[in-house]
Amino acid sequence: MNVSDVAEQIVAMQAQMFRTSMALAAIKNASEQQQQTATTLLTETANSAAASADGRGALLDILV
């Protein structure tokens, strides 16, 4: 095995590690966006329900 082959294997491994790292970053970003979207929807739903509740009893029903 010569130096050129070893260098080629090292570069190939580094390229694979880079691709894996980028894929993991994309997955993490998508997960964070989904979490933020879910939080926003939950907040909007809770605010909408509280605003449409007619009186304290209805609001307590929603909370319970």
Protein backbone atom coordinates (compact mmCIF):
# COMPACT_ATOMS: atom_id res chain seq x y z
CA MET A 1 0.00 0.00 0.00
CA ASN A 2 1.51 3.32 -1.00
CA VAL A 3 1.12 6.80 0.45
CA SER A 4 -1.25 7.88 -2.31
CA ASP A 5 -3.70 5.08 -1.46
CA VAL A 6 -3.62 5.96 2.23
CA ALA A 7 -4.17 9.64 1.49
CA GLU A 8 -7.09 8.75 -0.78
CA GLN A 9 -8.69 6.64 1.96
CA ILE A 10 -8.22 9.42 4.52
CA VAL A 11 -9.83 11.98 2.21
CA ALA A 12 -12.72 9.59 1.51
CA MET A 13 -13.28 9.04 5.24
CA GLN A 14 -13.18 12.77 5.92
CA ALA A 15 -15.68 13.40 3.13
CA GLN A 16 -18.00 10.73 4.58
CA MET A 17 -17.71 12.23 8.07
CA PHE A 18 -18.54 15.66 6.63
CA ARG A 19 -21.62 14.31 4.83
CA THR A 20 -22.75 12.55 7.99
CA SER A 21 -22.24 15.70 10.04
CA MET A 22 -24.27 17.77 7.57
CA ALA A 23 -27.07 15.19 7.56
CA LEU A 24 -27.21 15.20 11.36
CA ALA A 25 -27.29 19.00 11.41
CA ALA A 26 -30.19 18.98 8.94
CA ILE A 27 -32.09 16.46 11.07
CA LYS A 28 -31.49 18.51 14.22
CA ASN A 29 -32.66 21.69 12.48
CA ALA A 30 -35.82 20.00 11.18
CA SER A 31 -36.54 18.61 14.65
CA GLU A 32 -36.14 22.04 16.26
CA GLN A 33 -38.43 23.60 13.65
CA GLN A 34 -41.09 20.95 14.28
CA GLN A 35 -40.83 21.51 18.01
CA GLN A 36 -41.20 25.28 17.54
CA THR A 37 -44.20 24.77 15.24
CA ALA A 38 -45.87 22.46 17.75
CA THR A 39 -45.26 24.95 20.55
CA THR A 40 -46.69 27.79 18.50
CA LEU A 41 -49.79 25.79 17.55
CA LEU A 42 -50.36 24.76 21.16
CA THR A 43 -50.00 28.35 22.35
CA GLU A 44 -52.35 29.66 19.66
CA THR A 45 -54.91 26.96 20.44
CA ALA A 46 -54.78 27.69 24.16
CA ASN A 47 -55.11 31.43 23.56
CA SER A 48 -57.99 30.91 21.14
CA ALA A 49 -59.79 28.61 23.55
CA ALA A 50 -59.34 31.04 26.42
CA ALA A 51 -60.59 33.94 24.31
CA SER A 52 -63.67 32.09 23.14
CA ALA A 53 -64.59 30.79 26.61
CA ASP A 54 -67.70 32.47 27.94
CA GLY A 55 -66.97 33.17 31.56
CA ARG A 56 -64.84 31.69 34.26
CA GLY A 57 -66.60 28.33 34.37
CA ALA A 58 -65.92 27.62 30.72
CA LEU A 59 -62.27 28.54 31.14
CA LEU A 60 -61.98 26.19 34.11
CA ASP A 61 -63.56 23.43 32.02
CA ILE A 62 -60.86 23.92 29.40
CA LEU A 63 -58.09 23.84 31.98
CA VAL A 64 -59.44 20.70 33.59
